[in-house]
C-alpha atoms as a PDB file:
ATOM      1  CA  MET A   1      66.875  10.680 111.972  1.00  0.00           C
ATOM      2  CA  SER A   2      68.848  13.232 113.916  1.00  0.00           C
ATOM      3  CA  ASN A   3      70.307  14.513 110.651  1.00  0.00           C
ATOM      4  CA  ASP A   4      66.803  15.156 109.308  1.00  0.00           C
ATOM      5  CA  ASN A   5      65.873  17.165 112.407  1.00  0.00           C
ATOM      6  CA  SER A   6      69.001  19.292 112.072  1.00  0.00           C
ATOM      7  CA  ALA A   7      68.193  20.023 108.443  1.00  0.00           C
ATOM      8  CA  ALA A   8      64.639  21.005 109.377  1.00  0.00           C
ATOM      9  CA  GLU A   9      65.897  23.420 111.985  1.00  0.00           C
ATOM     10  CA  LYS A  10      68.215  25.045 109.442  1.00  0.00           C
ATOM     11  CA  ILE A  11      65.344  25.781 107.027  1.00  0.00           C
ATOM     12  CA  LYS A  12      62.989  26.922 109.808  1.00  0.00           C
ATOM     13  CA  PRO A  13      61.469  30.330 108.893  1.00  0.00           C
ATOM     14  CA  GLN A  14      63.225  33.277 110.505  1.00  0.00           C
ATOM     15  CA  SER A  15      59.953  34.738 111.761  1.00  0.00           C
ATOM     16  CA  SER A  16      59.320  31.742 114.016  1.00  0.00           C
ATOM     17  CA  ILE A  17      62.623  32.090 115.884  1.00  0.00           C
ATOM     18  CA  GLN A  18      62.079  33.248 119.449  1.00  0.00           C
ATOM     19  CA  ILE A  19      64.713  35.099 121.422  1.00  0.00           C
ATOM     20  CA  SER A  20      64.923  34.247 125.083  1.00  0.00           C
ATOM     21  CA  SER A  21      65.253  36.835 127.825  1.00  0.00           C
ATOM     22  CA  GLN A  22      68.731  35.559 128.579  1.00  0.00           C
ATOM     23  CA  GLU A  23      69.794  36.142 124.993  1.00  0.00           C
ATOM     24  CA  VAL A  24      68.531  39.747 125.213  1.00  0.00           C
ATOM     25  CA  VAL A  25      70.479  40.220 128.447  1.00  0.00           C
ATOM     26  CA  SER A  26      73.605  38.744 126.918  1.00  0.00           C
ATOM     27  CA  TYR A  27      73.282  40.998 123.873  1.00  0.00           C
ATOM     28  CA  LEU A  28      72.877  44.156 125.961  1.00  0.00           C
ATOM     29  CA  LYS A  29      75.870  43.189 128.096  1.00  0.00           C
ATOM     30  CA  ALA A  30      77.926  42.767 124.962  1.00  0.00           C
ATOM     31  CA  ASN A  31      76.601  46.056 123.512  1.00  0.00           C
ATOM     32  CA  PRO A  32      76.393  48.553 126.394  1.00  0.00           C
ATOM     33  CA  GLU A  33      76.050  51.502 123.968  1.00  0.00           C
ATOM     34  CA  PHE A  34      72.876  50.104 122.409  1.00  0.00           C
ATOM     35  CA  PHE A  35      70.413  52.583 123.968  1.00  0.00           C
ATOM     36  CA  THR A  36      72.498  55.624 123.058  1.00  0.00           C
ATOM     37  CA  GLU A  37      71.431  54.996 119.458  1.00  0.00           C
ATOM     38  CA  GLN A  38      67.843  54.092 120.385  1.00  0.00           C
ATOM     39  CA  GLU A  39      66.586  57.195 122.232  1.00  0.00           C
ATOM     40  CA  ASP A  40      62.993  56.798 121.056  1.00  0.00           C
ATOM     41  CA  LEU A  41      62.893  53.248 122.376  1.00  0.00           C
ATOM     42  CA  LEU A  42      64.440  54.312 125.673  1.00  0.00           C
ATOM     43  CA  ALA A  43      61.861  57.079 126.118  1.00  0.00           C
ATOM     44  CA  ASN A  44      59.036  54.531 125.917  1.00  0.00           C
ATOM     45  CA  LEU A  45      60.514  51.946 128.264  1.00  0.00           C
ATOM     46  CA  SER A  46      58.931  51.396 131.651  1.00  0.00           C
ATOM     47  CA  LEU A  47      61.455  50.733 134.423  1.00  0.00           C
ATOM     48  CA  PRO A  48      59.522  50.148 137.652  1.00  0.00           C
ATOM     49  CA  HIS A  49      61.460  49.742 140.876  1.00  0.00           C
ATOM     50  CA  LYS A  50      60.896  47.115 143.560  1.00  0.00           C
ATOM     51  CA  SER A  51      58.870  49.249 145.911  1.00  0.00           C
ATOM     52  CA  GLY A  52      55.815  47.071 146.371  1.00  0.00           C
ATOM     53  CA  THR A  53      52.539  48.593 145.220  1.00  0.00           C
ATOM     54  CA  ALA A  54      53.954  52.110 145.612  1.00  0.00           C
ATOM     55  CA  ILE A  55      55.517  53.988 142.692  1.00  0.00           C
ATOM     56  CA  SER A  56      59.107  54.963 143.240  1.00  0.00           C
ATOM     57  CA  LEU A  57      59.967  58.658 143.381  1.00  0.00           C
ATOM     58  CA  LEU A  58      62.246  58.347 140.366  1.00  0.00           C
ATOM     59  CA  GLU A  59      59.585  56.655 138.283  1.00  0.00           C
ATOM     60  CA  ARG A  60      57.021  59.292 139.247  1.00  0.00           C
ATOM     61  CA  GLN A  61      59.433  62.090 138.358  1.00  0.00           C
ATOM     62  CA  VAL A  62      60.076  60.588 134.935  1.00  0.00           C
ATOM     63  CA  THR A  63      56.321  60.280 134.315  1.00  0.00           C
ATOM     64  CA  ILE A  64      55.720  63.907 135.319  1.00  0.00           C
ATOM     65  CA  LEU A  65      58.551  65.126 133.088  1.00  0.00           C
ATOM     66  CA  ARG A  66      57.113  63.212 130.139  1.00  0.00           C
ATOM     67  CA  GLU A  67      53.647  64.700 130.718  1.00  0.00           C
ATOM     68  CA  ARG A  68      55.074  68.202 131.038  1.00  0.00           C
ATOM     69  CA  GLY A  69      57.077  67.745 127.867  1.00  0.00           C
ATOM     70  CA  SER A  70      53.941  66.684 125.998  1.00  0.00           C
ATOM     71  CA  ASP A  71      51.988  69.662 127.386  1.00  0.00           C
ATOM     72  CA  ALA A  72      54.807  72.038 126.459  1.00  0.00           C
ATOM     73  CA  ARG A  73      54.863  70.758 122.878  1.00  0.00           C
ATOM     74  CA  GLN A  74      51.090  71.190 122.614  1.00  0.00           C
ATOM     75  CA  LYS A  75      51.240  74.747 123.964  1.00  0.00           C
ATOM     76  CA  LEU A  76      54.042  75.603 121.552  1.00  0.00           C
ATOM     77  CA  ASN A  77      52.016  74.239 118.632  1.00  0.00           C
ATOM     78  CA  ASN A  78      49.046  76.331 119.739  1.00  0.00           C
ATOM     79  CA  LEU A  79      51.196  79.461 119.978  1.00  0.00           C
ATOM     80  CA  LEU A  80      52.597  78.875 116.498  1.00  0.00           C
ATOM     81  CA  GLU A  81      49.106  78.329 115.092  1.00  0.00           C
ATOM     82  CA  ASN A  82      47.836  81.530 116.729  1.00  0.00           C
ATOM     83  CA  ALA A  83      50.828  83.441 115.366  1.00  0.00           C
ATOM     84  CA  ARG A  84      50.095  82.227 111.841  1.00  0.00           C
ATOM     85  CA  ASN A  85      46.426  83.179 112.188  1.00  0.00           C
ATOM     86  CA  ASN A  86      47.324  86.633 113.523  1.00  0.00           C
ATOM     87  CA  ASP A  87      49.727  87.222 110.625  1.00  0.00           C
ATOM     88  CA  GLN A  88      46.987  86.370 108.140  1.00  0.00           C
ATOM     89  CA  LEU A  89      44.450  88.520 109.963  1.00  0.00           C
ATOM     90  CA  PHE A  90      46.896  91.437 110.051  1.00  0.00           C
ATOM     91  CA  ASP A  91      47.331  91.214 106.267  1.00  0.00           C
ATOM     92  CA  THR A  92      43.559  91.087 105.810  1.00  0.00           C
ATOM     93  CA  THR A  93      43.082  94.082 108.117  1.00  0.00           C
ATOM     94  CA  ARG A  94      45.752  96.114 106.327  1.00  0.00           C
ATOM     95  CA  ASN A  95      44.219  95.426 102.910  1.00  0.00           C
ATOM     96  CA  LEU A  96      40.764  96.298 104.252  1.00  0.00           C
ATOM     97  CA  VAL A  97      41.917  99.645 105.690  1.00  0.00           C
ATOM     98  CA  LEU A  98      43.603 100.600 102.414  1.00  0.00           C
ATOM     99  CA  ALA A  99      40.475  99.687 100.447  1.00  0.00           C
ATOM    100  CA  LEU A 100      38.218 101.628 102.840  1.00  0.00           C
ATOM    101  CA  LEU A 101      40.294 104.767 102.361  1.00  0.00           C
ATOM    102  CA  ARG A 102      39.315 104.685  98.678  1.00  0.00           C
ATOM    103  CA  ALA A 103      35.591 104.052  99.316  1.00  0.00           C
ATOM    104  CA  LYS A 104      33.360 106.890  98.109  1.00  0.00           C
ATOM    105  CA  ASP A 105      30.105 106.132  99.935  1.00  0.00           C
ATOM    106  CA  VAL A 106      28.456 103.820 102.473  1.00  0.00           C
ATOM    107  CA  THR A 107      27.433 101.315  99.796  1.00  0.00           C
ATOM    108  CA  GLU A 108      31.037 100.936  98.695  1.00  0.00           C
ATOM    109  CA  ILE A 109      32.189 100.666 102.327  1.00  0.00           C
ATOM    110  CA  ALA A 110      29.808  97.755 102.953  1.00  0.00           C
ATOM    111  CA  VAL A 111      30.734  95.989  99.709  1.00  0.00           C
ATOM    112  CA  VAL A 112      34.488  96.441 100.214  1.00  0.00           C
ATOM    113  CA  THR A 113      34.310  95.255 103.832  1.00  0.00           C
ATOM    114  CA  GLN A 114      32.446  92.079 102.995  1.00  0.00           C
ATOM    115  CA  ASP A 115      34.604  91.338  99.948  1.00  0.00           C
ATOM    116  CA  GLN A 116      37.933  91.836 101.750  1.00  0.00           C
ATOM    117  CA  LEU A 117      36.994  89.845 104.860  1.00  0.00           C
ATOM    118  CA  SER A 118      35.472  86.977 102.886  1.00  0.00           C
ATOM    119  CA  HIS A 119      38.882  86.199 101.387  1.00  0.00           C
ATOM    120  CA  HIS A 120      40.465  85.330 104.745  1.00  0.00           C
ATOM    121  CA  SER A 121      41.314  81.622 104.849  1.00  0.00           C
ATOM    122  CA  ASN A 122      39.533  80.996 108.174  1.00  0.00           C
ATOM    123  CA  ILE A 123      36.322  82.796 107.245  1.00  0.00           C
ATOM    124  CA  ASP A 124      33.845  80.568 105.428  1.00  0.00           C
ATOM    125  CA  ALA A 125      31.046  83.148 105.404  1.00  0.00           C
ATOM    126  CA  CYS A 126      30.848  86.895 105.996  1.00  0.00           C
ATOM    127  CA  GLU A 127      27.843  89.195 106.139  1.00  0.00           C
ATOM    128  CA  VAL A 128      27.685  92.963 106.688  1.00  0.00           C
ATOM    129  CA  ILE A 129      24.344  94.191 108.046  1.00  0.00           C
ATOM    130  CA  LEU A 130      23.868  97.956 108.294  1.00  0.00           C
ATOM    131  CA  ILE A 131      21.450  99.372 110.851  1.00  0.00           C
ATOM    132  CA  ASP A 132      18.740 101.329 109.059  1.00  0.00           C
ATOM    133  CA  LYS A 133      19.257 104.687 110.745  1.00  0.00           C
ATOM    134  CA  LYS A 134      17.748 107.988 109.683  1.00  0.00           C
ATOM    135  CA  GLY A 135      19.570 109.447 106.696  1.00  0.00           C
ATOM    136  CA  LEU A 136      21.170 106.143 105.627  1.00  0.00           C
ATOM    137  CA  LYS A 137      21.319 105.910 101.841  1.00  0.00           C
ATOM    138  CA  VAL A 138      22.672 102.737 100.302  1.00  0.00           C
ATOM    139  CA  ALA A 139      22.063 100.516  97.287  1.00  0.00           C
ATOM    140  CA  ALA A 140      19.299  97.935  97.530  1.00  0.00           C
ATOM    141  CA  SER A 141      21.917  95.162  97.334  1.00  0.00           C
ATOM    142  CA  VAL A 142      23.323  96.138 100.765  1.00  0.00           C
ATOM    143  CA  ARG A 143      21.713  94.393 103.745  1.00  0.00           C
ATOM    144  CA  THR A 144      19.957  96.692 106.191  1.00  0.00           C
ATOM    145  CA  GLU A 145      17.816  95.922 109.236  1.00  0.00           C
ATOM    146  CA  THR A 146      16.205  97.896 111.997  1.00  0.00           C
ATOM    147  CA  GLU A 147      18.099  98.326 115.245  1.00  0.00           C
ATOM    148  CA  ASN A 148      15.205  96.838 117.244  1.00  0.00           C
ATOM    149  CA  ILE A 149      15.314  93.555 115.330  1.00  0.00           C
ATOM    150  CA  LEU A 150      19.078  93.215 115.651  1.00  0.00           C
ATOM    151  CA  LYS A 151      19.009  94.096 119.356  1.00  0.00           C
ATOM    152  CA  LYS A 152      16.286  91.528 119.926  1.00  0.00           C
ATOM    153  CA  ASN A 153      18.122  88.722 118.129  1.00  0.00           C
ATOM    154  CA  PHE A 154      21.696  89.588 119.174  1.00  0.00           C
ATOM    155  CA  ALA A 155      21.331  91.296 122.540  1.00  0.00           C
ATOM    156  CA  ASP A 156      24.739  90.120 123.820  1.00  0.00           C
ATOM    157  CA  VAL A 157      26.566  91.985 121.063  1.00  0.00           C
ATOM    158  CA  PHE A 158      24.891  95.283 121.916  1.00  0.00           C
ATOM    159  CA  ARG A 159      25.307  94.684 125.644  1.00  0.00           C
ATOM    160  CA  LEU A 160      29.031  93.914 125.407  1.00  0.00           C
ATOM    161  CA  ASN A 161      29.715  96.471 122.657  1.00  0.00           C
ATOM    162  CA  ARG A 162      32.499  94.250 121.339  1.00  0.00           C
ATOM    163  CA  THR A 163      32.908  91.102 119.260  1.00  0.00           C
ATOM    164  CA  TYR A 164      30.878  88.168 120.544  1.00  0.00           C
ATOM    165  CA  CYS A 165      32.176  84.631 119.907  1.00  0.00           C
ATOM    166  CA  GLY A 166      30.316  81.577 121.065  1.00  0.00           C
ATOM    167  CA  ALA A 167      27.423  79.262 120.449  1.00  0.00           C
ATOM    168  CA  ILE A 168      24.290  80.748 118.901  1.00  0.00           C
ATOM    169  CA  SER A 169      20.984  79.173 118.003  1.00  0.00           C
ATOM    170  CA  GLU A 170      20.099  77.728 114.611  1.00  0.00           C
ATOM    171  CA  GLU A 171      17.618  80.580 114.132  1.00  0.00           C
ATOM    172  CA  GLN A 172      20.325  83.171 114.787  1.00  0.00           C
ATOM    173  CA  THR A 173      22.693  81.459 112.361  1.00  0.00           C
ATOM    174  CA  GLN A 174      19.980  81.410 109.706  1.00  0.00           C
ATOM    175  CA  HIS A 175      19.360  85.116 110.356  1.00  0.00           C
ATOM    176  CA  LEU A 176      23.031  85.974 109.811  1.00  0.00           C
ATOM    177  CA  PHE A 177      23.779  83.587 106.932  1.00  0.00           C
ATOM    178  CA  PRO A 178      20.597  82.883 104.942  1.00  0.00           C
ATOM    179  CA  GLY A 179      20.911  79.604 103.075  1.00  0.00           C
ATOM    180  CA  GLN A 180      24.295  78.757 104.618  1.00  0.00           C
ATOM    181  CA  ASN A 181      23.353  77.861 108.199  1.00  0.00           C
ATOM    182  CA  ASP A 182      23.869  74.111 107.624  1.00  0.00           C
ATOM    183  CA  ASN A 183      27.554  74.694 106.833  1.00  0.00           C
ATOM    184  CA  ILE A 184      28.292  77.245 109.573  1.00  0.00           C
ATOM    185  CA  LYS A 185      29.156  75.700 112.949  1.00  0.00           C
ATOM    186  CA  SER A 186      30.703  78.648 114.824  1.00  0.00           C
ATOM    187  CA  THR A 187      30.308  82.408 114.520  1.00  0.00           C
ATOM    188  CA  ALA A 188      31.785  85.737 115.572  1.00  0.00           C
ATOM    189  CA  ILE A 189      29.601  88.850 115.540  1.00  0.00           C
ATOM    190  CA  CYS A 190      31.498  92.131 115.419  1.00  0.00           C
ATOM    191  CA  PRO A 191      29.688  95.423 116.105  1.00  0.00           C
ATOM    192  CA  VAL A 192      30.677  98.331 113.855  1.00  0.00           C
ATOM    193  CA  ILE A 193      31.017 101.185 116.341  1.00  0.00           C
ATOM    194  CA  SER A 194      31.526 104.944 116.168  1.00  0.00           C
ATOM    195  CA  ASP A 195      31.411 107.108 119.304  1.00  0.00           C
ATOM    196  CA  GLY A 196      29.826 104.213 121.200  1.00  0.00           C
ATOM    197  CA  ASP A 197      26.984 103.921 118.686  1.00  0.00           C
ATOM    198  CA  VAL A 198      26.505 100.619 116.805  1.00  0.00           C
ATOM    199  CA  LEU A 199      26.129 101.346 113.082  1.00  0.00           C
ATOM    200  CA  ALA A 200      26.259  97.799 111.719  1.00  0.00           C
ATOM    201  CA  LEU A 201      27.117  94.176 112.453  1.00  0.00           C
ATOM    202  CA  ILE A 202      29.777  92.104 110.709  1.00  0.00           C
ATOM    203  CA  ALA A 203      29.116  88.374 111.048  1.00  0.00           C
ATOM    204  CA  PHE A 204      31.847  85.792 110.496  1.00  0.00           C
ATOM    205  CA  GLY A 205      31.146  82.096 110.054  1.00  0.00           C
ATOM    206  CA  ASN A 206      33.387  79.039 110.162  1.00  0.00           C
ATOM    207  CA  GLN A 207      32.613  75.401 109.318  1.00  0.00           C
ATOM    208  CA  SER A 208      34.431  74.188 112.439  1.00  0.00           C
ATOM    209  CA  ASP A 209      32.349  74.175 115.622  1.00  0.00           C
ATOM    210  CA  SER A 210      35.379  75.164 117.707  1.00  0.00           C
ATOM    211  CA  TYR A 211      37.070  77.904 115.663  1.00  0.00           C
ATOM    212  CA  PHE A 212      35.088  80.901 116.913  1.00  0.00           C
ATOM    213  CA  ASN A 213      34.907  80.245 120.652  1.00  0.00           C
ATOM    214  CA  VAL A 214      34.682  82.238 123.887  1.00  0.00           C
ATOM    215  CA  ASN A 215      38.464  82.037 124.386  1.00  0.00           C
ATOM    216  CA  LEU A 216      39.343  83.512 120.987  1.00  0.00           C
ATOM    217  CA  ASP A 217      41.340  86.751 121.029  1.00  0.00           C
ATOM    218  CA  THR A 218      39.112  89.322 119.290  1.00  0.00           C
ATOM    219  CA  LEU A 219      41.597  92.212 119.221  1.00  0.00           C
ATOM    220  CA  PHE A 220      41.792  92.402 115.422  1.00  0.00           C
ATOM    221  CA  LEU A 221      38.048  91.909 114.967  1.00  0.00           C
ATOM    222  CA  ASP A 222      37.243  94.709 117.421  1.00  0.00           C
ATOM    223  CA  PHE A 223      39.738  96.938 115.614  1.00  0.00           C
ATOM    224  CA  ILE A 224      38.053  96.195 112.287  1.00  0.00           C
ATOM    225  CA  GLY A 225      34.685  97.132 113.797  1.00  0.00           C
ATOM    226  CA  HIS A 226      35.983 100.506 114.970  1.00  0.00           C
ATOM    227  CA  VAL A 227      37.750 101.272 111.672  1.00  0.00           C
ATOM    228  CA  VAL A 228      34.681 100.480 109.562  1.00  0.00           C
ATOM    229  CA  GLY A 229      32.535 102.469 112.013  1.00  0.00           C
ATOM    230  CA  ALA A 230      34.746 105.541 111.710  1.00  0.00           C
ATOM    231  CA  VAL A 231      34.663 105.399 107.897  1.00  0.00           C
ATOM    232  CA  ILE A 232      30.868 104.987 107.802  1.00  0.00           C
ATOM    233  CA  ASP A 233      30.368 107.794 110.283  1.00  0.00           C
ATOM    234  CA  ASN A 234      32.505 110.035 108.096  1.00  0.00           C
ATOM    235  CA  GLN A 235      30.061 109.440 105.229  1.00  0.00           C
ATOM    236  CA  GLN A 236      26.869 110.167 107.195  1.00  0.00           C
ATOM    237  CA  PRO A 237      24.469 111.792 106.978  1.00  0.00           C
ATOM    238  CA  ASP A 238      25.398 114.765 104.819  1.00  0.00           C
ATOM    239  CA  SER A 239      27.794 113.033 102.433  1.00  0.00           C
ATOM    240  CA  ALA A 240      25.784 109.826 101.997  1.00  0.00           C
ATOM    241  CA  VAL A 241      25.283 109.124  98.318  1.00  0.00           C
ATOM    242  CA  ASP A 242      21.901 107.995  97.039  1.00  0.00           C
ATOM    243  CA  VAL A 243      22.366 105.091  94.670  1.00  0.00           C
END
């Protein structure tokens, strides 16, 4: 009978074998270099000290260092992501400026601006809305609106005189992006400025509700607004072309 039991133990599945704590201790004693090859495992081990309900100073220091390391990695990832976005935006801005230098009239300026900016990877929708000022002559295909309507619906943009990023109402989104408001979750509204006067609005839309936010650096967007404003102002009113 004892022979049968021995045979059964020999064919016992490996997965059912349990290692005792003493066996683990004995193995580690025999292999003191084990953790030098298992850094990931060591980083996740909890080694509390016998200090009652209080946490030992060493244990607290290790916890803090781990949290700081995680925060540092997250900040580095954010910096790298911002750098990549800025590189892309710089390329878009450069191409836009070069295209604007070849524009012959205000219609072409509006078309070129919208076309160039729409190709940026983080812009899911782009609209250029010119303010219908006296002497403005553009093709019917270019969006124009009165200054009173735009000031009424987007007062913060005119008050700040710089790019506004943040939450806007569904009605405002529909105003900026007709037919696309269901897909647009966050927006940036850039005033096109010349000599302090707002000549147009450039609206950017993104499908992520957190992309265009109040903490976003708008340096490039503000620059675009001033460049487009200077080019438009150079075309008005005497050199505006009636299409």
